[in-house]
């Protein structure tokens, strides 16, 4: 991440958290020079969108950064506008709404649906397959960096490196994962047809103090809940670093668009539980045994492009334990990292 300031020992509050997760690296500032023009963030209202948009604006304050969402969260639009981001309320399922959005040479697509998929699969498919087709059709002349997920891969052997980008996105589990394959295929189709440059970011578990795998485990520890070990391994990456790498990807688009795994090294859920338990003074309650497979990705190519992660696991564990111990805010949105049936 090549931070311009040293990492703090603790994260004091939400303002400090937002500042840290939106702090651009010198490498990002340099990368954006190779991707000139406005940046349009579609789905800016999600978990990562606000800090990613702020990071883009901080990296190049003179550049126009536009955030599009429904803005159902009270106060979010005002916060983003206060950071210099132009906000437009729009329903991305509407072709008419998309048509009147401004043109932009750089599009970051963050819209999608995961939680709540069970029982309303039709809406999940509309958001994850139909909307990408509409966006790819609308922004045919732009670079499109689209967020995807490691869930498009089959489970990988936990003794190995994880799935590389050469692994076809086959045999995903559940409606959500299948709809995410469809999302990628829509962007690929329009990229092949029209020569649209892009990247498909197969992100695996960004870590924020308010949510993420480490937050989930820490919350279970302090609440005395058992920690299921069946999905015994995962990849994690600090959200600020994920934001940074995602924006730097605008300078590494390919024609046609191609996948890029985006995360950090794999971690053991058992080890994480014990490490957080030590920091919190809690004995973990562990349930079950690790399966021989998990959703794991090989991030060799991302490390080649961006270097290894600069925010290590121990730092994230320290921050998480301190945040949870002090009763820091939670988004109350579990990742369900332990789910092996693809139901969310």
C-alpha atoms as a PDB file:
ATOM      1  CA  UNK A   1       0.000   0.000   0.000  1.00  0.00           C
ATOM      2  CA  UNK A   2       3.066   2.244   0.488  1.00  0.00           C
ATOM      3  CA  UNK A   3       1.329   4.403   3.052  1.00  0.00           C
ATOM      4  CA  UNK A   4       2.324   8.073   3.093  1.00  0.00           C
ATOM      5  CA  UNK A   5       1.985   8.054   6.901  1.00  0.00           C
ATOM      6  CA  UNK A   6       2.765   5.316   9.422  1.00  0.00           C
ATOM      7  CA  UNK A   7       0.022   2.901  10.360  1.00  0.00           C
ATOM      8  CA  UNK A   8      -1.584   3.634  13.727  1.00  0.00           C
ATOM      9  CA  UNK A   9      -1.388   1.228  16.653  1.00  0.00           C
ATOM     10  CA  UNK A  10      -5.153   1.532  17.080  1.00  0.00           C
ATOM     11  CA  UNK A  11      -8.029   3.059  15.133  1.00  0.00           C
ATOM     12  CA  UNK A  12      -9.671   5.575  17.422  1.00  0.00           C
ATOM     13  CA  UNK A  13     -13.064   6.116  15.834  1.00  0.00           C
ATOM     14  CA  UNK A  14     -15.090   6.121  12.625  1.00  0.00           C
ATOM     15  CA  UNK A  15     -13.409   9.268  11.334  1.00  0.00           C
ATOM     16  CA  UNK A  16      -9.972   7.694  11.792  1.00  0.00           C
ATOM     17  CA  UNK A  17     -11.203   4.472  10.174  1.00  0.00           C
ATOM     18  CA  UNK A  18     -12.564   6.269   7.125  1.00  0.00           C
ATOM     19  CA  UNK A  19      -9.378   8.307   6.795  1.00  0.00           C
ATOM     20  CA  UNK A  20      -7.201   5.207   6.916  1.00  0.00           C
ATOM     21  CA  UNK A  21      -9.313   3.204   4.448  1.00  0.00           C
ATOM     22  CA  UNK A  22      -9.390   6.101   1.971  1.00  0.00           C
ATOM     23  CA  UNK A  23      -5.704   7.045   2.223  1.00  0.00           C
ATOM     24  CA  UNK A  24      -4.161   6.809  -1.276  1.00  0.00           C
ATOM     25  CA  UNK A  25      -0.704   5.430  -1.817  1.00  0.00           C
ATOM     26  CA  UNK A  26       1.928   7.150  -3.986  1.00  0.00           C
ATOM     27  CA  UNK A  27       1.617   4.156  -6.332  1.00  0.00           C
ATOM     28  CA  UNK A  28      -2.095   4.868  -6.794  1.00  0.00           C
ATOM     29  CA  UNK A  29      -1.464   8.517  -7.570  1.00  0.00           C
ATOM     30  CA  UNK A  30       1.033   7.449 -10.219  1.00  0.00           C
ATOM     31  CA  UNK A  31      -1.265   4.748 -11.623  1.00  0.00           C
ATOM     32  CA  UNK A  32      -4.166   7.143 -12.081  1.00  0.00           C
ATOM     33  CA  UNK A  33      -1.998   9.318 -14.316  1.00  0.00           C
ATOM     34  CA  UNK A  34      -2.164   6.424 -16.782  1.00  0.00           C
ATOM     35  CA  UNK A  35      -5.974   6.346 -16.567  1.00  0.00           C
ATOM     36  CA  UNK A  36      -6.956   9.976 -17.080  1.00  0.00           C
ATOM     37  CA  UNK A  37     -10.456  11.393 -16.933  1.00  0.00           C
ATOM     38  CA  UNK A  38     -13.515  11.221 -14.730  1.00  0.00           C
ATOM     39  CA  UNK A  39     -14.119   8.217 -12.478  1.00  0.00           C
ATOM     40  CA  UNK A  40     -17.694   6.943 -12.206  1.00  0.00           C
ATOM     41  CA  UNK A  41     -18.395   4.619  -9.249  1.00  0.00           C
ATOM     42  CA  UNK A  42     -21.581   2.633  -9.815  1.00  0.00           C
ATOM     43  CA  UNK A  43     -22.931   1.210  -6.566  1.00  0.00           C
ATOM     44  CA  UNK A  44     -21.042   3.686  -4.393  1.00  0.00           C
ATOM     45  CA  UNK A  45     -23.433   3.109  -1.486  1.00  0.00           C
ATOM     46  CA  UNK A  46     -22.162  -0.371  -0.605  1.00  0.00           C
ATOM     47  CA  UNK A  47     -19.712  -1.417   2.096  1.00  0.00           C
ATOM     48  CA  UNK A  48     -16.571  -0.475   0.136  1.00  0.00           C
ATOM     49  CA  UNK A  49     -17.921   2.193  -2.195  1.00  0.00           C
ATOM     50  CA  UNK A  50     -17.716   5.261   0.054  1.00  0.00           C
ATOM     51  CA  UNK A  51     -14.074   4.783   1.044  1.00  0.00           C
ATOM     52  CA  UNK A  52     -13.060   3.828  -2.508  1.00  0.00           C
ATOM     53  CA  UNK A  53     -14.656   6.993  -3.901  1.00  0.00           C
ATOM     54  CA  UNK A  54     -13.006   9.130  -1.232  1.00  0.00           C
ATOM     55  CA  UNK A  55      -9.647   7.511  -1.996  1.00  0.00           C
ATOM     56  CA  UNK A  56     -10.020   8.308  -5.694  1.00  0.00           C
ATOM     57  CA  UNK A  57     -10.764  11.938  -4.885  1.00  0.00           C
ATOM     58  CA  UNK A  58      -7.893  12.215  -2.421  1.00  0.00           C
ATOM     59  CA  UNK A  59      -5.515  10.681  -4.964  1.00  0.00           C
ATOM     60  CA  UNK A  60      -6.376  13.374  -7.513  1.00  0.00           C
ATOM     61  CA  UNK A  61      -8.430  16.208  -5.983  1.00  0.00           C
ATOM     62  CA  UNK A  62      -8.795  17.966  -9.338  1.00  0.00           C
ATOM     63  CA  UNK A  63     -10.405  14.927 -10.938  1.00  0.00           C
ATOM     64  CA  UNK A  64     -14.169  14.559 -11.151  1.00  0.00           C
ATOM     65  CA  UNK A  65     -15.326  11.538  -9.121  1.00  0.00           C
ATOM     66  CA  UNK A  66     -19.007  10.646  -9.484  1.00  0.00           C
ATOM     67  CA  UNK A  67     -20.834   8.239  -7.192  1.00  0.00           C
ATOM     68  CA  UNK A  68     -24.101   6.605  -8.254  1.00  0.00           C
ATOM     69  CA  UNK A  69     -26.435   4.730  -5.915  1.00  0.00           C
ATOM     70  CA  UNK A  70     -29.955   4.826  -4.570  1.00  0.00           C
ATOM     71  CA  UNK A  71     -28.567   6.503  -1.415  1.00  0.00           C
ATOM     72  CA  UNK A  72     -30.970   4.803   0.958  1.00  0.00           C
ATOM     73  CA  UNK A  73     -28.533   5.177   3.896  1.00  0.00           C
ATOM     74  CA  UNK A  74     -29.294   8.436   5.710  1.00  0.00           C
ATOM     75  CA  UNK A  75     -26.502  10.979   5.509  1.00  0.00           C
ATOM     76  CA  UNK A  76     -24.261   9.083   3.080  1.00  0.00           C
ATOM     77  CA  UNK A  77     -24.876  11.371   0.137  1.00  0.00           C
ATOM     78  CA  UNK A  78     -24.103  14.444   2.226  1.00  0.00           C
ATOM     79  CA  UNK A  79     -20.911  12.866   3.552  1.00  0.00           C
ATOM     80  CA  UNK A  80     -19.674  12.012   0.080  1.00  0.00           C
ATOM     81  CA  UNK A  81     -20.551  15.412  -1.307  1.00  0.00           C
ATOM     82  CA  UNK A  82     -18.674  16.956   1.605  1.00  0.00           C
ATOM     83  CA  UNK A  83     -15.621  15.017   0.412  1.00  0.00           C
ATOM     84  CA  UNK A  84     -15.949  16.522  -3.069  1.00  0.00           C
ATOM     85  CA  UNK A  85     -17.677  13.576  -4.740  1.00  0.00           C
ATOM     86  CA  UNK A  86     -20.541  14.341  -7.094  1.00  0.00           C
ATOM     87  CA  UNK A  87     -23.514  12.140  -6.193  1.00  0.00           C
ATOM     88  CA  UNK A  88     -26.339  11.018  -8.468  1.00  0.00           C
ATOM     89  CA  UNK A  89     -29.295   8.988  -7.226  1.00  0.00           C
ATOM     90  CA  UNK A  90     -30.295   6.359  -9.774  1.00  0.00           C
ATOM     91  CA  UNK A  91     -31.756   2.880 -10.104  1.00  0.00           C
ATOM     92  CA  UNK A  92     -29.253   0.874 -12.125  1.00  0.00           C
ATOM     93  CA  UNK A  93     -31.989  -1.565 -13.143  1.00  0.00           C
ATOM     94  CA  UNK A  94     -33.462   1.252 -15.223  1.00  0.00           C
ATOM     95  CA  UNK A  95     -32.083   1.578 -18.742  1.00  0.00           C
ATOM     96  CA  UNK A  96     -33.551   5.083 -18.825  1.00  0.00           C
ATOM     97  CA  UNK A  97     -31.712   6.095 -15.662  1.00  0.00           C
ATOM     98  CA  UNK A  98     -28.439   4.747 -17.032  1.00  0.00           C
ATOM     99  CA  UNK A  99     -28.913   6.619 -20.282  1.00  0.00           C
ATOM    100  CA  UNK A 100     -28.841  10.014 -18.579  1.00  0.00           C
ATOM    101  CA  UNK A 101     -25.818   9.330 -16.393  1.00  0.00           C
ATOM    102  CA  UNK A 102     -22.699  11.242 -17.447  1.00  0.00           C
ATOM    103  CA  UNK A 103     -20.133   9.646 -19.724  1.00  0.00           C
ATOM    104  CA  UNK A 104     -16.853   8.742 -18.041  1.00  0.00           C
ATOM    105  CA  UNK A 105     -13.671   7.125 -19.353  1.00  0.00           C
ATOM    106  CA  UNK A 106     -13.246   5.208 -16.076  1.00  0.00           C
ATOM    107  CA  UNK A 107     -16.046   3.114 -14.552  1.00  0.00           C
ATOM    108  CA  UNK A 108     -15.787   1.176 -11.301  1.00  0.00           C
ATOM    109  CA  UNK A 109     -18.722  -1.213 -11.085  1.00  0.00           C
ATOM    110  CA  UNK A 110     -19.537  -2.139  -7.483  1.00  0.00           C
ATOM    111  CA  UNK A 111     -23.252  -2.876  -7.704  1.00  0.00           C
ATOM    112  CA  UNK A 112     -24.512  -6.333  -6.834  1.00  0.00           C
ATOM    113  CA  UNK A 113     -26.577  -8.409  -4.463  1.00  0.00           C
ATOM    114  CA  UNK A 114     -25.547 -11.222  -2.126  1.00  0.00           C
ATOM    115  CA  UNK A 115     -27.296 -11.211   1.218  1.00  0.00           C
ATOM    116  CA  UNK A 116     -30.988 -11.910   1.075  1.00  0.00           C
ATOM    117  CA  UNK A 117     -30.576 -13.918  -2.125  1.00  0.00           C
ATOM    118  CA  UNK A 118     -32.370 -16.942  -0.699  1.00  0.00           C
ATOM    119  CA  UNK A 119     -36.073 -16.390  -1.286  1.00  0.00           C
ATOM    120  CA  UNK A 120     -35.660 -13.643  -3.873  1.00  0.00           C
ATOM    121  CA  UNK A 121     -33.258 -15.221  -6.300  1.00  0.00           C
ATOM    122  CA  UNK A 122     -34.930 -13.407  -9.173  1.00  0.00           C
ATOM    123  CA  UNK A 123     -33.731 -10.043  -7.825  1.00  0.00           C
ATOM    124  CA  UNK A 124     -30.230 -11.379  -7.244  1.00  0.00           C
ATOM    125  CA  UNK A 125     -30.024 -12.480 -10.875  1.00  0.00           C
ATOM    126  CA  UNK A 126     -31.392  -9.154 -12.094  1.00  0.00           C
ATOM    127  CA  UNK A 127     -28.773  -7.203 -10.117  1.00  0.00           C
ATOM    128  CA  UNK A 128     -25.866  -9.539 -10.820  1.00  0.00           C
ATOM    129  CA  UNK A 129     -26.539 -10.382 -14.482  1.00  0.00           C
ATOM    130  CA  UNK A 130     -29.000  -7.930 -16.044  1.00  0.00           C
ATOM    131  CA  UNK A 131     -27.481  -4.740 -14.590  1.00  0.00           C
ATOM    132  CA  UNK A 132     -23.944  -5.640 -15.788  1.00  0.00           C
ATOM    133  CA  UNK A 133     -25.310  -6.123 -19.310  1.00  0.00           C
ATOM    134  CA  UNK A 134     -26.997  -2.721 -19.178  1.00  0.00           C
ATOM    135  CA  UNK A 135     -23.852  -1.046 -17.845  1.00  0.00           C
ATOM    136  CA  UNK A 136     -21.538  -2.745 -20.343  1.00  0.00           C
ATOM    137  CA  UNK A 137     -23.851  -1.653 -23.146  1.00  0.00           C
ATOM    138  CA  UNK A 138     -24.062   1.927 -21.837  1.00  0.00           C
ATOM    139  CA  UNK A 139     -20.318   2.381 -21.172  1.00  0.00           C
ATOM    140  CA  UNK A 140     -18.964   0.631 -24.218  1.00  0.00           C
ATOM    141  CA  UNK A 141     -16.206   3.230 -24.670  1.00  0.00           C
ATOM    142  CA  UNK A 142     -14.972   3.240 -21.056  1.00  0.00           C
ATOM    143  CA  UNK A 143     -12.507   1.246 -19.020  1.00  0.00           C
ATOM    144  CA  UNK A 144     -14.665  -0.916 -16.751  1.00  0.00           C
ATOM    145  CA  UNK A 145     -13.237  -2.381 -13.557  1.00  0.00           C
ATOM    146  CA  UNK A 146     -15.998  -4.621 -12.217  1.00  0.00           C
ATOM    147  CA  UNK A 147     -16.092  -6.197  -8.778  1.00  0.00           C
ATOM    148  CA  UNK A 148     -16.696  -9.927  -8.748  1.00  0.00           C
ATOM    149  CA  UNK A 149     -16.069 -12.586  -6.103  1.00  0.00           C
ATOM    150  CA  UNK A 150     -13.992 -15.655  -5.332  1.00  0.00           C
ATOM    151  CA  UNK A 151     -17.295 -17.528  -5.103  1.00  0.00           C
ATOM    152  CA  UNK A 152     -17.218 -18.043  -8.881  1.00  0.00           C
ATOM    153  CA  UNK A 153     -14.531 -20.687  -8.323  1.00  0.00           C
ATOM    154  CA  UNK A 154     -15.036 -24.217  -7.075  1.00  0.00           C
ATOM    155  CA  UNK A 155     -13.584 -24.983  -3.663  1.00  0.00           C
ATOM    156  CA  UNK A 156      -9.803 -25.401  -3.659  1.00  0.00           C
ATOM    157  CA  UNK A 157      -7.546 -27.746  -1.688  1.00  0.00           C
ATOM    158  CA  UNK A 158      -6.480 -25.917   1.483  1.00  0.00           C
ATOM    159  CA  UNK A 159      -2.983 -27.386   1.104  1.00  0.00           C
ATOM    160  CA  UNK A 160      -2.515 -25.601  -2.210  1.00  0.00           C
ATOM    161  CA  UNK A 161      -2.218 -22.019  -3.412  1.00  0.00           C
ATOM    162  CA  UNK A 162      -5.911 -21.575  -4.173  1.00  0.00           C
ATOM    163  CA  UNK A 163      -7.619 -21.050  -7.502  1.00  0.00           C
ATOM    164  CA  UNK A 164      -5.720 -18.991 -10.049  1.00  0.00           C
ATOM    165  CA  UNK A 165      -7.295 -16.905 -12.768  1.00  0.00           C
ATOM    166  CA  UNK A 166      -6.628 -19.802 -15.157  1.00  0.00           C
ATOM    167  CA  UNK A 167      -9.195 -21.891 -13.276  1.00  0.00           C
ATOM    168  CA  UNK A 168     -12.526 -21.701 -15.138  1.00  0.00           C
ATOM    169  CA  UNK A 169     -15.380 -20.394 -12.963  1.00  0.00           C
ATOM    170  CA  UNK A 170     -17.117 -23.767 -12.873  1.00  0.00           C
ATOM    171  CA  UNK A 171     -19.254 -25.639 -10.341  1.00  0.00           C
ATOM    172  CA  UNK A 172     -20.061 -22.691  -8.087  1.00  0.00           C
ATOM    173  CA  UNK A 173     -22.367 -23.397  -5.172  1.00  0.00           C
ATOM    174  CA  UNK A 174     -25.779 -21.736  -4.962  1.00  0.00           C
ATOM    175  CA  UNK A 175     -27.775 -19.116  -6.824  1.00  0.00           C
ATOM    176  CA  UNK A 176     -25.571 -16.215  -5.728  1.00  0.00           C
ATOM    177  CA  UNK A 177     -22.364 -17.751  -7.059  1.00  0.00           C
ATOM    178  CA  UNK A 178     -24.010 -18.721 -10.329  1.00  0.00           C
ATOM    179  CA  UNK A 179     -25.382 -15.206 -10.784  1.00  0.00           C
ATOM    180  CA  UNK A 180     -21.859 -13.862 -10.254  1.00  0.00           C
ATOM    181  CA  UNK A 181     -20.580 -16.064 -13.072  1.00  0.00           C
ATOM    182  CA  UNK A 182     -23.334 -14.538 -15.192  1.00  0.00           C
ATOM    183  CA  UNK A 183     -22.166 -11.041 -14.197  1.00  0.00           C
ATOM    184  CA  UNK A 184     -18.672 -11.822 -15.432  1.00  0.00           C
ATOM    185  CA  UNK A 185     -19.980 -13.373 -18.648  1.00  0.00           C
ATOM    186  CA  UNK A 186     -22.000 -10.253 -19.453  1.00  0.00           C
ATOM    187  CA  UNK A 187     -18.971  -7.996 -19.091  1.00  0.00           C
ATOM    188  CA  UNK A 188     -16.903 -10.475 -21.101  1.00  0.00           C
ATOM    189  CA  UNK A 189     -19.468 -10.647 -23.881  1.00  0.00           C
ATOM    190  CA  UNK A 190     -19.665  -6.894 -24.379  1.00  0.00           C
ATOM    191  CA  UNK A 191     -15.908  -6.541 -24.038  1.00  0.00           C
ATOM    192  CA  UNK A 192     -15.363  -9.117 -26.779  1.00  0.00           C
ATOM    193  CA  UNK A 193     -18.032  -7.586 -28.982  1.00  0.00           C
ATOM    194  CA  UNK A 194     -17.022  -3.952 -28.589  1.00  0.00           C
ATOM    195  CA  UNK A 195     -13.383  -3.984 -27.544  1.00  0.00           C
ATOM    196  CA  UNK A 196     -14.173  -2.499 -24.126  1.00  0.00           C
ATOM    197  CA  UNK A 197     -11.105  -2.714 -21.861  1.00  0.00           C
ATOM    198  CA  UNK A 198     -11.635  -3.903 -18.318  1.00  0.00           C
ATOM    199  CA  UNK A 199     -10.890  -6.171 -15.405  1.00  0.00           C
ATOM    200  CA  UNK A 200     -13.027  -8.494 -13.296  1.00  0.00           C
ATOM    201  CA  UNK A 201     -11.890  -8.246  -9.688  1.00  0.00           C
ATOM    202  CA  UNK A 202     -12.454 -11.520  -7.865  1.00  0.00           C
ATOM    203  CA  UNK A 203     -12.283 -10.011  -4.391  1.00  0.00           C
ATOM    204  CA  UNK A 204     -12.071 -12.225  -1.337  1.00  0.00           C
ATOM    205  CA  UNK A 205     -12.958 -10.763   2.073  1.00  0.00           C
ATOM    206  CA  UNK A 206     -11.961  -7.155   2.556  1.00  0.00           C
ATOM    207  CA  UNK A 207     -11.386  -6.332   6.229  1.00  0.00           C
ATOM    208  CA  UNK A 208     -13.044  -3.299   7.833  1.00  0.00           C
ATOM    209  CA  UNK A 209     -13.351  -2.865  11.589  1.00  0.00           C
ATOM    210  CA  UNK A 210     -17.155  -2.955  11.283  1.00  0.00           C
ATOM    211  CA  UNK A 211     -17.459  -6.133   9.227  1.00  0.00           C
ATOM    212  CA  UNK A 212     -15.458  -8.898   7.599  1.00  0.00           C
ATOM    213  CA  UNK A 213     -14.167 -12.305   8.615  1.00  0.00           C
ATOM    214  CA  UNK A 214     -12.025 -11.015  11.492  1.00  0.00           C
ATOM    215  CA  UNK A 215     -14.905  -8.915  12.826  1.00  0.00           C
ATOM    216  CA  UNK A 216     -17.238 -11.924  12.622  1.00  0.00           C
ATOM    217  CA  UNK A 217     -14.853 -14.113  14.594  1.00  0.00           C
ATOM    218  CA  UNK A 218     -14.178 -11.417  17.200  1.00  0.00           C
ATOM    219  CA  UNK A 219     -17.902 -10.806  17.717  1.00  0.00           C
ATOM    220  CA  UNK A 220     -18.509 -14.509  18.261  1.00  0.00           C
ATOM    221  CA  UNK A 221     -15.684 -14.620  20.769  1.00  0.00           C
ATOM    222  CA  UNK A 222     -17.003 -11.782  22.929  1.00  0.00           C
ATOM    223  CA  UNK A 223     -20.555 -13.146  22.713  1.00  0.00           C
ATOM    224  CA  UNK A 224     -19.436 -16.655  23.669  1.00  0.00           C
ATOM    225  CA  UNK A 225     -20.759 -18.159  20.444  1.00  0.00           C
ATOM    226  CA  UNK A 226     -19.148 -21.235  18.875  1.00  0.00           C
ATOM    227  CA  UNK A 227     -16.952 -20.730  15.841  1.00  0.00           C
ATOM    228  CA  UNK A 228     -17.632 -23.194  13.038  1.00  0.00           C
ATOM    229  CA  UNK A 229     -14.401 -24.546  11.555  1.00  0.00           C
ATOM    230  CA  UNK A 230     -15.862 -26.358   8.528  1.00  0.00           C
ATOM    231  CA  UNK A 231     -14.794 -23.500   6.238  1.00  0.00           C
ATOM    232  CA  UNK A 232     -11.443 -23.477   7.927  1.00  0.00           C
ATOM    233  CA  UNK A 233      -9.480 -21.116   5.705  1.00  0.00           C
ATOM    234  CA  UNK A 234     -10.031 -17.825   3.885  1.00  0.00           C
ATOM    235  CA  UNK A 235      -8.143 -15.055   2.124  1.00  0.00           C
ATOM    236  CA  UNK A 236      -8.306 -11.611   3.705  1.00  0.00           C
ATOM    237  CA  UNK A 237      -7.064  -8.154   2.736  1.00  0.00           C
ATOM    238  CA  UNK A 238      -7.257  -4.784   4.457  1.00  0.00           C
ATOM    239  CA  UNK A 239     -10.056  -2.778   2.842  1.00  0.00           C
ATOM    240  CA  UNK A 240      -7.870   0.264   2.337  1.00  0.00           C
ATOM    241  CA  UNK A 241      -5.466  -1.890   0.372  1.00  0.00           C
ATOM    242  CA  UNK A 242      -8.319  -3.464  -1.600  1.00  0.00           C
ATOM    243  CA  UNK A 243      -9.548   0.043  -2.491  1.00  0.00           C
ATOM    244  CA  UNK A 244      -6.062   1.076  -3.554  1.00  0.00           C
ATOM    245  CA  UNK A 245      -5.457  -1.982  -5.733  1.00  0.00           C
ATOM    246  CA  UNK A 246      -8.913  -1.757  -7.298  1.00  0.00           C
ATOM    247  CA  UNK A 247      -8.345   1.822  -8.411  1.00  0.00           C
ATOM    248  CA  UNK A 248      -4.828   1.025  -9.627  1.00  0.00           C
ATOM    249  CA  UNK A 249      -6.390  -1.677 -11.805  1.00  0.00           C
ATOM    250  CA  UNK A 250      -7.777   1.108 -14.031  1.00  0.00           C
ATOM    251  CA  UNK A 251      -4.222   1.385 -15.376  1.00  0.00           C
ATOM    252  CA  UNK A 252      -4.034  -2.388 -15.950  1.00  0.00           C
ATOM    253  CA  UNK A 253      -7.177  -3.061 -17.990  1.00  0.00           C
ATOM    254  CA  UNK A 254      -7.057  -5.613 -20.781  1.00  0.00           C
ATOM    255  CA  UNK A 255      -8.964  -6.006 -24.021  1.00  0.00           C
ATOM    256  CA  UNK A 256     -10.948  -8.192 -23.785  1.00  0.00           C
ATOM    257  CA  UNK A 257     -11.513  -7.939 -20.063  1.00  0.00           C
ATOM    258  CA  UNK A 258      -9.849 -10.548 -17.852  1.00  0.00           C
ATOM    259  CA  UNK A 259     -10.147 -11.739 -14.270  1.00  0.00           C
ATOM    260  CA  UNK A 260      -7.819 -10.698 -11.461  1.00  0.00           C
ATOM    261  CA  UNK A 261      -7.845 -12.298  -8.019  1.00  0.00           C
ATOM    262  CA  UNK A 262      -7.663  -9.633  -5.345  1.00  0.00           C
ATOM    263  CA  UNK A 263      -6.926 -10.543  -1.738  1.00  0.00           C
ATOM    264  CA  UNK A 264      -4.112 -11.404   0.643  1.00  0.00           C
ATOM    265  CA  UNK A 265      -2.592 -14.674   1.826  1.00  0.00           C
ATOM    266  CA  UNK A 266      -4.851 -17.389   3.198  1.00  0.00           C
ATOM    267  CA  UNK A 267      -5.465 -17.514   6.927  1.00  0.00           C
ATOM    268  CA  UNK A 268      -6.593 -20.308   9.222  1.00  0.00           C
ATOM    269  CA  UNK A 269      -9.886 -19.598  11.000  1.00  0.00           C
ATOM    270  CA  UNK A 270      -8.698 -21.707  13.936  1.00  0.00           C
ATOM    271  CA  UNK A 271      -5.505 -19.669  14.234  1.00  0.00           C
ATOM    272  CA  UNK A 272      -7.421 -16.405  13.869  1.00  0.00           C
ATOM    273  CA  UNK A 273      -9.817 -17.457  16.630  1.00  0.00           C
ATOM    274  CA  UNK A 274      -6.957 -18.241  18.996  1.00  0.00           C
ATOM    275  CA  UNK A 275      -5.043 -15.055  18.115  1.00  0.00           C
ATOM    276  CA  UNK A 276      -8.099 -12.853  18.649  1.00  0.00           C
ATOM    277  CA  UNK A 277      -8.989 -14.806  21.782  1.00  0.00           C
ATOM    278  CA  UNK A 278      -5.570 -14.057  23.263  1.00  0.00           C
ATOM    279  CA  UNK A 279      -5.956 -10.365  22.509  1.00  0.00           C
ATOM    280  CA  UNK A 280      -9.485 -10.268  23.927  1.00  0.00           C
ATOM    281  CA  UNK A 281      -8.799 -12.511  26.916  1.00  0.00           C
ATOM    282  CA  UNK A 282     -11.380 -15.039  25.740  1.00  0.00           C
ATOM    283  CA  UNK A 283     -11.077 -18.786  25.226  1.00  0.00           C
ATOM    284  CA  UNK A 284     -12.526 -19.667  21.805  1.00  0.00           C
ATOM    285  CA  UNK A 285     -15.358 -22.151  21.564  1.00  0.00           C
ATOM    286  CA  UNK A 286     -14.553 -24.112  18.408  1.00  0.00           C
ATOM    287  CA  UNK A 287     -16.955 -26.444  16.645  1.00  0.00           C
ATOM    288  CA  UNK A 288     -16.246 -29.089  14.024  1.00  0.00           C
ATOM    289  CA  UNK A 289     -13.195 -29.750  11.925  1.00  0.00           C
ATOM    290  CA  UNK A 290     -11.707 -28.010   8.932  1.00  0.00           C
ATOM    291  CA  UNK A 291     -12.849 -29.327   5.570  1.00  0.00           C
ATOM    292  CA  UNK A 292     -10.051 -30.196   3.138  1.00  0.00           C
ATOM    293  CA  UNK A 293     -11.315 -27.510   0.736  1.00  0.00           C
ATOM    294  CA  UNK A 294     -12.334 -23.853   0.932  1.00  0.00           C
ATOM    295  CA  UNK A 295     -12.940 -20.831  -1.280  1.00  0.00           C
ATOM    296  CA  UNK A 296      -9.309 -19.809  -1.718  1.00  0.00           C
ATOM    297  CA  UNK A 297      -7.617 -17.756  -4.411  1.00  0.00           C
ATOM    298  CA  UNK A 298      -4.068 -17.505  -5.687  1.00  0.00           C
ATOM    299  CA  UNK A 299      -3.178 -13.791  -5.795  1.00  0.00           C
ATOM    300  CA  UNK A 300       0.228 -14.149  -7.444  1.00  0.00           C
ATOM    301  CA  UNK A 301      -0.756 -11.892 -10.350  1.00  0.00           C
ATOM    302  CA  UNK A 302      -2.090  -9.130  -8.084  1.00  0.00           C
ATOM    303  CA  UNK A 303       1.117  -9.269  -6.043  1.00  0.00           C
ATOM    304  CA  UNK A 304       3.111  -8.970  -9.280  1.00  0.00           C
ATOM    305  CA  UNK A 305       1.157  -5.876 -10.287  1.00  0.00           C
ATOM    306  CA  UNK A 306       0.866  -4.160  -6.922  1.00  0.00           C
ATOM    307  CA  UNK A 307       3.409  -5.777  -4.629  1.00  0.00           C
ATOM    308  CA  UNK A 308       2.574  -7.844  -1.532  1.00  0.00           C
ATOM    309  CA  UNK A 309       0.036  -6.528   0.986  1.00  0.00           C
ATOM    310  CA  UNK A 310       1.512  -3.893   3.273  1.00  0.00           C
ATOM    311  CA  UNK A 311      -1.037  -4.313   6.080  1.00  0.00           C
ATOM    312  CA  UNK A 312      -0.332  -7.711   7.622  1.00  0.00           C
ATOM    313  CA  UNK A 313      -2.570 -10.098   9.505  1.00  0.00           C
ATOM    314  CA  UNK A 314      -1.121  -9.250  12.921  1.00  0.00           C
ATOM    315  CA  UNK A 315      -1.912  -5.571  12.407  1.00  0.00           C
ATOM    316  CA  UNK A 316      -5.485  -6.357  11.359  1.00  0.00           C
ATOM    317  CA  UNK A 317      -5.891  -8.660  14.370  1.00  0.00           C
ATOM    318  CA  UNK A 318      -4.617  -5.928  16.718  1.00  0.00           C
ATOM    319  CA  UNK A 319      -6.966  -3.350  15.223  1.00  0.00           C
ATOM    320  CA  UNK A 320      -9.950  -5.709  15.265  1.00  0.00           C
ATOM    321  CA  UNK A 321      -9.495  -6.843  18.858  1.00  0.00           C
ATOM    322  CA  UNK A 322      -9.064  -3.284  20.074  1.00  0.00           C
ATOM    323  CA  UNK A 323     -12.118  -2.081  18.124  1.00  0.00           C
ATOM    324  CA  UNK A 324     -14.386  -4.857  19.373  1.00  0.00           C
ATOM    325  CA  UNK A 325     -13.085  -4.593  22.954  1.00  0.00           C
ATOM    326  CA  UNK A 326     -14.001  -0.900  22.999  1.00  0.00           C
ATOM    327  CA  UNK A 327     -17.480  -1.589  21.613  1.00  0.00           C
ATOM    328  CA  UNK A 328     -16.779  -0.026  18.235  1.00  0.00           C
ATOM    329  CA  UNK A 329     -19.550   0.194  15.668  1.00  0.00           C
ATOM    330  CA  UNK A 330     -20.663  -2.888  13.736  1.00  0.00           C
ATOM    331  CA  UNK A 331     -22.586  -2.919  10.477  1.00  0.00           C
ATOM    332  CA  UNK A 332     -24.320  -6.100  11.694  1.00  0.00           C
ATOM    333  CA  UNK A 333     -23.742  -7.703   8.299  1.00  0.00           C
ATOM    334  CA  UNK A 334     -22.055 -11.079   8.851  1.00  0.00           C
ATOM    335  CA  UNK A 335     -20.031 -12.308   5.894  1.00  0.00           C
ATOM    336  CA  UNK A 336     -21.326 -15.889   6.331  1.00  0.00           C
ATOM    337  CA  UNK A 337     -17.792 -16.977   5.433  1.00  0.00           C
ATOM    338  CA  UNK A 338     -18.593 -20.335   7.045  1.00  0.00           C
ATOM    339  CA  UNK A 339     -21.368 -21.161   4.557  1.00  0.00           C
ATOM    340  CA  UNK A 340     -20.438 -24.031   2.251  1.00  0.00           C
ATOM    341  CA  UNK A 341     -23.832 -24.403   0.563  1.00  0.00           C
ATOM    342  CA  UNK A 342     -23.844 -21.038  -1.189  1.00  0.00           C
ATOM    343  CA  UNK A 343     -27.015 -19.885   0.562  1.00  0.00           C
ATOM    344  CA  UNK A 344     -27.041 -16.284   1.775  1.00  0.00           C
END
